[in-house]
C-alpha atoms as a PDB file:
ATOM      1  CA  MET A   1     -54.251 -65.188 147.920  1.00  0.00           C
ATOM      2  CA  GLN A   2     -58.139 -63.088 146.353  1.00  0.00           C
ATOM      3  CA  THR A   3     -57.084 -60.881 150.209  1.00  0.00           C
ATOM      4  CA  PHE A   4     -53.722 -60.447 149.327  1.00  0.00           C
ATOM      5  CA  VAL A   5     -54.713 -59.090 145.612  1.00  0.00           C
ATOM      6  CA  SER A   6     -57.301 -57.098 147.502  1.00  0.00           C
ATOM      7  CA  MET A   7     -55.128 -55.371 149.581  1.00  0.00           C
ATOM      8  CA  ALA A   8     -52.367 -54.635 146.876  1.00  0.00           C
ATOM      9  CA  LEU A   9     -54.790 -53.405 144.828  1.00  0.00           C
ATOM     10  CA  VAL A  10     -56.118 -51.105 147.371  1.00  0.00           C
ATOM     11  CA  LEU A  11     -52.833 -49.665 148.617  1.00  0.00           C
ATOM     12  CA  ALA A  12     -51.745 -49.262 144.812  1.00  0.00           C
ATOM     13  CA  VAL A  13     -54.604 -46.879 144.466  1.00  0.00           C
ATOM     14  CA  PHE A  14     -53.727 -44.648 147.637  1.00  0.00           C
ATOM     15  CA  GLY A  15     -50.003 -44.770 146.641  1.00  0.00           C
ATOM     16  CA  ALA A  16     -50.845 -42.747 142.978  1.00  0.00           C
ATOM     17  CA  ILE A  17     -53.862 -40.859 145.593  1.00  0.00           C
ATOM     18  CA  ILE A  18     -50.718 -40.227 147.480  1.00  0.00           C
ATOM     19  CA  LEU A  19     -48.665 -39.317 144.705  1.00  0.00           C
ATOM     20  CA  TYR A  20     -51.383 -37.925 142.432  1.00  0.00           C
ATOM     21  CA  ASN A  21     -51.086 -34.767 145.524  1.00  0.00           C
ATOM     22  CA  THR A  22     -47.535 -34.637 146.205  1.00  0.00           C
ATOM     23  CA  LEU A  23     -45.951 -34.616 142.507  1.00  0.00           C
ATOM     24  CA  LYS A  24     -47.092 -31.397 140.533  1.00  0.00           C
ATOM     25  CA  ILE A  25     -44.966 -30.774 137.065  1.00  0.00           C
ATOM     26  CA  LEU A  26     -45.345 -27.040 136.323  1.00  0.00           C
ATOM     27  CA  LYS A  27     -44.317 -26.293 131.965  1.00  0.00           C
ATOM     28  CA  GLN A  28     -42.468 -23.454 131.356  1.00  0.00           C
ATOM     29  CA  TYR A  29     -45.173 -20.508 131.643  1.00  0.00           C
ATOM     30  CA  GLU A  30     -46.359 -21.077 134.839  1.00  0.00           C
ATOM     31  CA  ARG A  31     -45.387 -20.872 138.171  1.00  0.00           C
ATOM     32  CA  GLY A  32     -46.934 -22.600 141.312  1.00  0.00           C
ATOM     33  CA  LEU A  33     -47.099 -20.620 144.757  1.00  0.00           C
ATOM     34  CA  ILE A  34     -47.170 -22.715 147.408  1.00  0.00           C
ATOM     35  CA  PHE A  35     -48.933 -22.678 150.368  1.00  0.00           C
ATOM     36  CA  THR A  36     -48.198 -24.011 153.872  1.00  0.00           C
ATOM     37  CA  LEU A  37     -50.514 -24.640 156.484  1.00  0.00           C
ATOM     38  CA  GLY A  38     -51.872 -21.469 154.991  1.00  0.00           C
ATOM     39  CA  ARG A  39     -49.281 -18.954 154.088  1.00  0.00           C
ATOM     40  CA  VAL A  40     -47.126 -18.508 151.550  1.00  0.00           C
ATOM     41  CA  SER A  41     -43.211 -18.576 153.027  1.00  0.00           C
ATOM     42  CA  LEU A  42     -41.428 -15.296 150.899  1.00  0.00           C
ATOM     43  CA  THR A  43     -38.190 -16.740 149.963  1.00  0.00           C
ATOM     44  CA  ARG A  44     -40.049 -19.916 148.746  1.00  0.00           C
ATOM     45  CA  GLY A  45     -43.512 -18.689 148.428  1.00  0.00           C
ATOM     46  CA  VAL A  46     -42.800 -19.883 144.140  1.00  0.00           C
ATOM     47  CA  LYS A  47     -41.869 -22.299 142.075  1.00  0.00           C
ATOM     48  CA  GLY A  48     -41.282 -23.677 138.509  1.00  0.00           C
ATOM     49  CA  PRO A  49     -41.154 -24.655 135.977  1.00  0.00           C
ATOM     50  CA  GLY A  50     -40.704 -27.739 136.193  1.00  0.00           C
ATOM     51  CA  ILE A  51     -41.533 -31.270 138.411  1.00  0.00           C
ATOM     52  CA  ILE A  52     -42.625 -29.913 142.501  1.00  0.00           C
ATOM     53  CA  ILE A  53     -42.718 -31.836 145.219  1.00  0.00           C
ATOM     54  CA  LEU A  54     -45.717 -30.848 148.196  1.00  0.00           C
ATOM     55  CA  ILE A  55     -46.114 -32.526 151.386  1.00  0.00           C
ATOM     56  CA  PRO A  56     -49.737 -33.323 151.689  1.00  0.00           C
ATOM     57  CA  GLY A  57     -52.283 -32.398 153.661  1.00  0.00           C
ATOM     58  CA  ILE A  58     -49.882 -29.514 154.489  1.00  0.00           C
ATOM     59  CA  GLN A  59     -49.064 -28.349 150.892  1.00  0.00           C
ATOM     60  CA  LYS A  60     -51.446 -26.406 148.516  1.00  0.00           C
ATOM     61  CA  MET A  61     -50.733 -24.901 145.357  1.00  0.00           C
ATOM     62  CA  ILE A  62     -51.987 -22.743 142.726  1.00  0.00           C
ATOM     63  CA  ARG A  63     -50.851 -22.132 139.188  1.00  0.00           C
ATOM     64  CA  VAL A  64     -50.337 -18.989 137.832  1.00  0.00           C
ATOM     65  CA  SER A  65     -49.560 -18.177 134.394  1.00  0.00           C
ATOM     66  CA  LEU A  66     -47.225 -15.988 133.261  1.00  0.00           C
ATOM     67  CA  ARG A  67     -48.224 -14.955 129.421  1.00  0.00           C
ATOM     68  CA  THR A  68     -49.350 -12.230 127.773  1.00  0.00           C
ATOM     69  CA  VAL A  69     -53.026 -11.850 127.997  1.00  0.00           C
ATOM     70  CA  THR A  70     -55.401 -10.701 125.994  1.00  0.00           C
ATOM     71  CA  MET A  71     -58.638  -9.007 127.399  1.00  0.00           C
ATOM     72  CA  ASP A  72     -61.831  -7.498 125.166  1.00  0.00           C
ATOM     73  CA  VAL A  73     -63.706  -4.669 127.017  1.00  0.00           C
ATOM     74  CA  PRO A  74     -66.784  -4.800 126.478  1.00  0.00           C
ATOM     75  CA  SER A  75     -68.468  -1.770 124.387  1.00  0.00           C
ATOM     76  CA  GLN A  76     -68.983   1.355 127.081  1.00  0.00           C
ATOM     77  CA  ASP A  77     -71.289   4.508 127.322  1.00  0.00           C
ATOM     78  CA  ILE A  78     -69.112   7.264 126.968  1.00  0.00           C
ATOM     79  CA  ILE A  79     -69.822  10.742 127.097  1.00  0.00           C
ATOM     80  CA  THR A  80     -67.071  12.961 125.470  1.00  0.00           C
ATOM     81  CA  LYS A  81     -65.886  16.272 125.906  1.00  0.00           C
ATOM     82  CA  ASP A  82     -68.218  18.297 123.653  1.00  0.00           C
ATOM     83  CA  ASN A  83     -70.883  16.630 124.653  1.00  0.00           C
ATOM     84  CA  VAL A  84     -71.370  13.475 122.031  1.00  0.00           C
ATOM     85  CA  THR A  85     -72.622  10.283 123.290  1.00  0.00           C
ATOM     86  CA  VAL A  86     -70.408   6.921 121.603  1.00  0.00           C
ATOM     87  CA  LYS A  87     -69.746   3.770 121.859  1.00  0.00           C
ATOM     88  CA  VAL A  88     -66.390   2.645 122.421  1.00  0.00           C
ATOM     89  CA  ASN A  89     -64.539  -0.636 123.189  1.00  0.00           C
ATOM     90  CA  ALA A  90     -61.380  -1.563 123.863  1.00  0.00           C
ATOM     91  CA  VAL A  91     -59.325  -4.692 124.363  1.00  0.00           C
ATOM     92  CA  VAL A  92     -56.388  -4.958 126.811  1.00  0.00           C
ATOM     93  CA  TYR A  93     -52.428  -6.926 126.484  1.00  0.00           C
ATOM     94  CA  PHE A  94     -51.095  -7.800 130.727  1.00  0.00           C
ATOM     95  CA  ARG A  95     -49.191 -10.562 132.475  1.00  0.00           C
ATOM     96  CA  VAL A  96     -48.693 -11.247 135.870  1.00  0.00           C
ATOM     97  CA  MET A  97     -45.581 -10.597 136.881  1.00  0.00           C
ATOM     98  CA  GLU A  98     -45.329 -11.531 140.750  1.00  0.00           C
ATOM     99  CA  PRO A  99     -47.278 -14.317 141.331  1.00  0.00           C
ATOM    100  CA  ARG A 100     -47.541 -13.497 144.515  1.00  0.00           C
ATOM    101  CA  LYS A 101     -49.382 -10.378 144.918  1.00  0.00           C
ATOM    102  CA  ALA A 102     -51.196 -11.484 142.165  1.00  0.00           C
ATOM    103  CA  ILE A 103     -52.464 -14.270 144.020  1.00  0.00           C
ATOM    104  CA  ILE A 104     -52.829 -13.171 147.696  1.00  0.00           C
ATOM    105  CA  GLU A 105     -53.128  -9.117 146.779  1.00  0.00           C
ATOM    106  CA  VAL A 106     -56.289  -9.065 144.625  1.00  0.00           C
ATOM    107  CA  GLU A 107     -59.321 -11.705 144.604  1.00  0.00           C
ATOM    108  CA  ASP A 108     -60.015 -12.835 141.291  1.00  0.00           C
ATOM    109  CA  TYR A 109     -57.143 -10.460 138.669  1.00  0.00           C
ATOM    110  CA  PHE A 110     -58.302 -10.707 136.405  1.00  0.00           C
ATOM    111  CA  TYR A 111     -61.936  -9.934 136.629  1.00  0.00           C
ATOM    112  CA  ALA A 112     -60.299  -7.134 138.739  1.00  0.00           C
ATOM    113  CA  THR A 113     -57.974  -6.083 135.374  1.00  0.00           C
ATOM    114  CA  SER A 114     -61.213  -6.427 133.428  1.00  0.00           C
ATOM    115  CA  LEU A 115     -62.954  -3.989 135.758  1.00  0.00           C
ATOM    116  CA  ILE A 116     -59.994  -1.218 136.539  1.00  0.00           C
ATOM    117  CA  SER A 117     -59.853  -0.648 132.189  1.00  0.00           C
ATOM    118  CA  GLN A 118     -63.371  -0.906 131.738  1.00  0.00           C
ATOM    119  CA  THR A 119     -63.979   2.924 134.291  1.00  0.00           C
ATOM    120  CA  THR A 120     -60.509   3.954 133.335  1.00  0.00           C
ATOM    121  CA  LEU A 121     -62.145   3.992 129.751  1.00  0.00           C
ATOM    122  CA  ARG A 122     -64.994   5.799 130.605  1.00  0.00           C
ATOM    123  CA  SER A 123     -63.035   8.382 132.028  1.00  0.00           C
ATOM    124  CA  VAL A 124     -60.177   8.908 130.089  1.00  0.00           C
ATOM    125  CA  LEU A 125     -62.000   9.068 127.001  1.00  0.00           C
ATOM    126  CA  GLY A 126     -64.955  11.440 128.887  1.00  0.00           C
ATOM    127  CA  GLN A 127     -61.614  13.858 128.924  1.00  0.00           C
ATOM    128  CA  ASN A 128     -61.776  14.258 125.206  1.00  0.00           C
ATOM    129  CA  SER A 129     -63.243  16.190 122.443  1.00  0.00           C
ATOM    130  CA  LEU A 130     -65.007  13.468 119.591  1.00  0.00           C
ATOM    131  CA  ASP A 131     -61.974  14.727 116.983  1.00  0.00           C
ATOM    132  CA  ASP A 132     -59.422  13.690 119.122  1.00  0.00           C
ATOM    133  CA  LEU A 133     -60.881  11.037 119.770  1.00  0.00           C
ATOM    134  CA  LEU A 134     -60.841  10.050 116.190  1.00  0.00           C
ATOM    135  CA  ALA A 135     -57.615  11.688 115.391  1.00  0.00           C
ATOM    136  CA  ASN A 136     -55.357  11.768 118.407  1.00  0.00           C
ATOM    137  CA  ARG A 137     -56.645   7.169 117.807  1.00  0.00           C
ATOM    138  CA  ASP A 138     -52.483   6.810 119.644  1.00  0.00           C
ATOM    139  CA  ALA A 139     -52.118   9.057 121.970  1.00  0.00           C
ATOM    140  CA  ILE A 140     -55.163   8.638 124.231  1.00  0.00           C
ATOM    141  CA  ASN A 141     -54.110   4.349 123.210  1.00  0.00           C
ATOM    142  CA  ALA A 142     -50.682   5.282 125.077  1.00  0.00           C
ATOM    143  CA  GLU A 143     -52.390   7.738 128.195  1.00  0.00           C
ATOM    144  CA  LEU A 144     -55.364   4.206 128.772  1.00  0.00           C
ATOM    145  CA  GLN A 145     -52.506   2.106 129.076  1.00  0.00           C
ATOM    146  CA  LYS A 146     -49.882   4.393 131.784  1.00  0.00           C
ATOM    147  CA  VAL A 147     -53.472   4.850 134.026  1.00  0.00           C
ATOM    148  CA  ILE A 148     -54.939   1.374 133.887  1.00  0.00           C
ATOM    149  CA  ASP A 149     -50.771   0.048 134.071  1.00  0.00           C
ATOM    150  CA  GLU A 150     -50.393   2.449 137.678  1.00  0.00           C
ATOM    151  CA  GLN A 151     -53.949   1.107 139.261  1.00  0.00           C
ATOM    152  CA  THR A 152     -52.742  -2.771 138.713  1.00  0.00           C
ATOM    153  CA  GLU A 153     -48.853  -2.519 139.277  1.00  0.00           C
ATOM    154  CA  PRO A 154     -49.861  -3.239 143.284  1.00  0.00           C
ATOM    155  CA  TRP A 155     -51.609  -6.178 141.933  1.00  0.00           C
ATOM    156  CA  GLY A 156     -48.247  -7.577 139.979  1.00  0.00           C
ATOM    157  CA  ILE A 157     -50.262  -7.286 136.980  1.00  0.00           C
ATOM    158  CA  LYS A 158     -47.878  -5.413 134.255  1.00  0.00           C
ATOM    159  CA  VAL A 159     -50.423  -3.892 130.997  1.00  0.00           C
ATOM    160  CA  THR A 160     -48.360  -3.001 127.800  1.00  0.00           C
ATOM    161  CA  THR A 161     -50.273  -2.496 124.772  1.00  0.00           C
ATOM    162  CA  VAL A 162     -54.530  -0.547 125.113  1.00  0.00           C
ATOM    163  CA  GLU A 163     -55.712  -0.556 122.360  1.00  0.00           C
ATOM    164  CA  VAL A 164     -58.961   1.018 121.396  1.00  0.00           C
ATOM    165  CA  LYS A 165     -61.100  -0.743 118.146  1.00  0.00           C
ATOM    166  CA  ASN A 166     -64.088   0.509 117.517  1.00  0.00           C
ATOM    167  CA  VAL A 167     -66.206   4.097 117.653  1.00  0.00           C
ATOM    168  CA  ASP A 168     -69.176   3.871 117.060  1.00  0.00           C
ATOM    169  CA  LEU A 169     -71.233   6.984 116.100  1.00  0.00           C
ATOM    170  CA  PRO A 170     -74.657   8.137 116.320  1.00  0.00           C
ATOM    171  CA  VAL A 171     -76.704   8.071 112.911  1.00  0.00           C
ATOM    172  CA  GLU A 172     -76.726  12.242 113.034  1.00  0.00           C
ATOM    173  CA  MET A 173     -73.212  12.765 114.273  1.00  0.00           C
ATOM    174  CA  GLN A 174     -72.040   9.828 110.961  1.00  0.00           C
ATOM    175  CA  ARG A 175     -74.105  12.566 108.426  1.00  0.00           C
ATOM    176  CA  ALA A 176     -72.797  15.349 110.373  1.00  0.00           C
ATOM    177  CA  ILE A 177     -69.693  14.292 109.662  1.00  0.00           C
ATOM    178  CA  ALA A 178     -69.639  13.694 106.181  1.00  0.00           C
ATOM    179  CA  LYS A 179     -71.736  16.610 105.282  1.00  0.00           C
ATOM    180  CA  GLN A 180     -68.465  18.029 106.575  1.00  0.00           C
ATOM    181  CA  ALA A 181     -66.604  16.250 104.956  1.00  0.00           C
ATOM    182  CA  GLU A 182     -68.173  16.890 102.041  1.00  0.00           C
ATOM    183  CA  ALA A 183     -68.034  21.283 102.813  1.00  0.00           C
ATOM    184  CA  GLU A 184     -64.305  20.877 103.297  1.00  0.00           C
ATOM    185  CA  ARG A 185     -63.384  19.070  99.680  1.00  0.00           C
ATOM    186  CA  GLU A 186     -65.695  21.695  98.035  1.00  0.00           C
ATOM    187  CA  ARG A 187     -64.009  24.364  99.784  1.00  0.00           C
ATOM    188  CA  ARG A 188     -60.404  22.675  98.762  1.00  0.00           C
ATOM    189  CA  SER A 189     -61.094  22.640  95.017  1.00  0.00           C
ATOM    190  CA  LYS A 190     -62.413  26.653  94.905  1.00  0.00           C
ATOM    191  CA  VAL A 191     -59.271  26.882  96.761  1.00  0.00           C
ATOM    192  CA  ILE A 192     -57.144  25.185  94.545  1.00  0.00           C
ATOM    193  CA  HIS A 193     -59.239  26.261  91.511  1.00  0.00           C
ATOM    194  CA  ALA A 194     -58.252  30.494  92.417  1.00  0.00           C
ATOM    195  CA  GLU A 195     -55.272  29.238  92.902  1.00  0.00           C
ATOM    196  CA  GLY A 196     -55.042  28.014  89.546  1.00  0.00           C
ATOM    197  CA  GLU A 197     -56.960  31.433  88.010  1.00  0.00           C
ATOM    198  CA  LEU A 198     -54.642  33.502  89.705  1.00  0.00           C
ATOM    199  CA  GLN A 199     -51.846  31.757  88.228  1.00  0.00           C
ATOM    200  CA  ALA A 200     -53.306  31.819  85.610  1.00  0.00           C
ATOM    201  CA  SER A 201     -53.486  35.703  85.006  1.00  0.00           C
ATOM    202  CA  SER A 202     -50.712  36.560  86.040  1.00  0.00           C
ATOM    203  CA  LYS A 203     -49.420  34.553  83.847  1.00  0.00           C
ATOM    204  CA  LEU A 204     -51.820  36.742  80.991  1.00  0.00           C
ATOM    205  CA  ALA A 205     -50.897  39.886  82.234  1.00  0.00           C
ATOM    206  CA  GLU A 206     -46.604  39.051  82.027  1.00  0.00           C
ATOM    207  CA  ALA A 207     -47.418  37.493  78.192  1.00  0.00           C
ATOM    208  CA  ALA A 208     -49.802  40.881  77.639  1.00  0.00           C
ATOM    209  CA  GLU A 209     -46.787  43.510  78.953  1.00  0.00           C
ATOM    210  CA  ILE A 210     -43.853  41.526  76.615  1.00  0.00           C
ATOM    211  CA  ILE A 211     -46.181  42.024  73.059  1.00  0.00           C
ATOM    212  CA  SER A 212     -47.432  45.649  74.236  1.00  0.00           C
ATOM    213  CA  GLN A 213     -43.221  46.016  74.045  1.00  0.00           C
ATOM    214  CA  ASN A 214     -43.072  45.423  70.543  1.00  0.00           C
ATOM    215  CA  ASN A 215     -46.068  46.086  67.508  1.00  0.00           C
ATOM    216  CA  THR A 216     -44.144  43.153  65.309  1.00  0.00           C
ATOM    217  CA  THR A 217     -45.004  40.831  68.077  1.00  0.00           C
ATOM    218  CA  LEU A 218     -48.385  42.514  68.718  1.00  0.00           C
ATOM    219  CA  GLN A 219     -48.548  42.182  64.924  1.00  0.00           C
ATOM    220  CA  LEU A 220     -48.117  38.810  64.338  1.00  0.00           C
ATOM    221  CA  ARG A 221     -50.097  37.463  67.030  1.00  0.00           C
ATOM    222  CA  TYR A 222     -53.037  39.578  65.652  1.00  0.00           C
ATOM    223  CA  LEU A 223     -52.197  37.639  61.989  1.00  0.00           C
ATOM    224  CA  GLN A 224     -52.166  34.151  64.504  1.00  0.00           C
ATOM    225  CA  THR A 225     -55.137  34.185  65.836  1.00  0.00           C
ATOM    226  CA  LEU A 226     -57.081  35.358  62.310  1.00  0.00           C
ATOM    227  CA  THR A 227     -55.088  32.120  61.285  1.00  0.00           C
ATOM    228  CA  GLU A 228     -56.957  29.854  64.502  1.00  0.00           C
ATOM    229  CA  LEU A 229     -59.577  31.721  63.390  1.00  0.00           C
ATOM    230  CA  GLY A 230     -59.990  31.081  60.022  1.00  0.00           C
ATOM    231  CA  THR A 231     -59.703  27.422  60.776  1.00  0.00           C
ATOM    232  CA  GLU A 232     -63.836  27.004  62.042  1.00  0.00           C
ATOM    233  CA  LYS A 233     -65.522  26.183  58.550  1.00  0.00           C
ATOM    234  CA  ASN A 234     -68.982  26.238  59.669  1.00  0.00           C
ATOM    235  CA  SER A 235     -68.105  30.020  60.164  1.00  0.00           C
ATOM    236  CA  THR A 236     -67.922  33.599  58.421  1.00  0.00           C
ATOM    237  CA  ILE A 237     -65.972  36.399  60.688  1.00  0.00           C
ATOM    238  CA  VAL A 238     -66.127  39.801  59.779  1.00  0.00           C
ATOM    239  CA  PHE A 239     -63.400  41.713  61.012  1.00  0.00           C
ATOM    240  CA  PRO A 240     -61.615  45.518  60.314  1.00  0.00           C
ATOM    241  CA  LEU A 241     -58.267  45.340  58.977  1.00  0.00           C
ATOM    242  CA  PRO A 242     -55.257  47.636  60.434  1.00  0.00           C
ATOM    243  CA  ILE A 243     -53.931  50.160  58.735  1.00  0.00           C
ATOM    244  CA  ASP A 244     -50.528  49.521  61.433  1.00  0.00           C
ATOM    245  CA  ILE A 245     -50.711  46.137  60.218  1.00  0.00           C
ATOM    246  CA  LEU A 246     -49.712  47.172  56.489  1.00  0.00           C
ATOM    247  CA  SER A 247     -47.130  49.965  57.588  1.00  0.00           C
ATOM    248  CA  ALA A 248     -44.813  46.751  59.389  1.00  0.00           C
ATOM    249  CA  PHE A 249     -44.851  44.554  56.027  1.00  0.00           C
ATOM    250  CA  LYS A 250     -43.860  48.706  53.942  1.00  0.00           C
ATOM    251  CA  LYS A 251     -40.882  49.537  56.739  1.00  0.00           C
END
């Protein structure tokens, strides 16, 4: 009886091992690349999702995720077109479109995409000036995405988005940019002040021309000035009274 129980236990363990190696379950976002005696079938090489039945010892399956992968590109030392050294890092979003190519055509598609992203980041950003790097971020991101996607396409990888995250400038360059921004603000302030003076002088010239055409208007303006000066109680003002101002009242 004890021998029968032991044999049944051994068979159960053996059957569980065979079942584990035979039945595989793939999630909705997974695909399985099936190798049969080391080869991948062109028609039945990729399976899933759901339950996959394998022949133990003959077939082997490699899981491939189809979800979008977020990959950080480490900071790269870049010399811009105008010979400024900066540190730039980025983030790349990509996904596997063809599991067969992602496994067969390249040894490690994640590592390969990371290296391609680093070299492309240095190459593309090195062709732009510092001002373009700071101002035309969207255009640079689009160019990076296009170049990286073209190089990873043979691996069945689709690069959807590339975003430059941080641009670290040297301290000397930060000070120079701050001085440039301050000079620009001062220039705008002077231009606005000059435009205000120009508009005010133009209006004063128009008013003087209108007043000079009518002696009564000129005399009334003179009297208004006297009234404004008379409101000052702490000062005494002596001024000549023109005779012309009385002739208008005599008429």
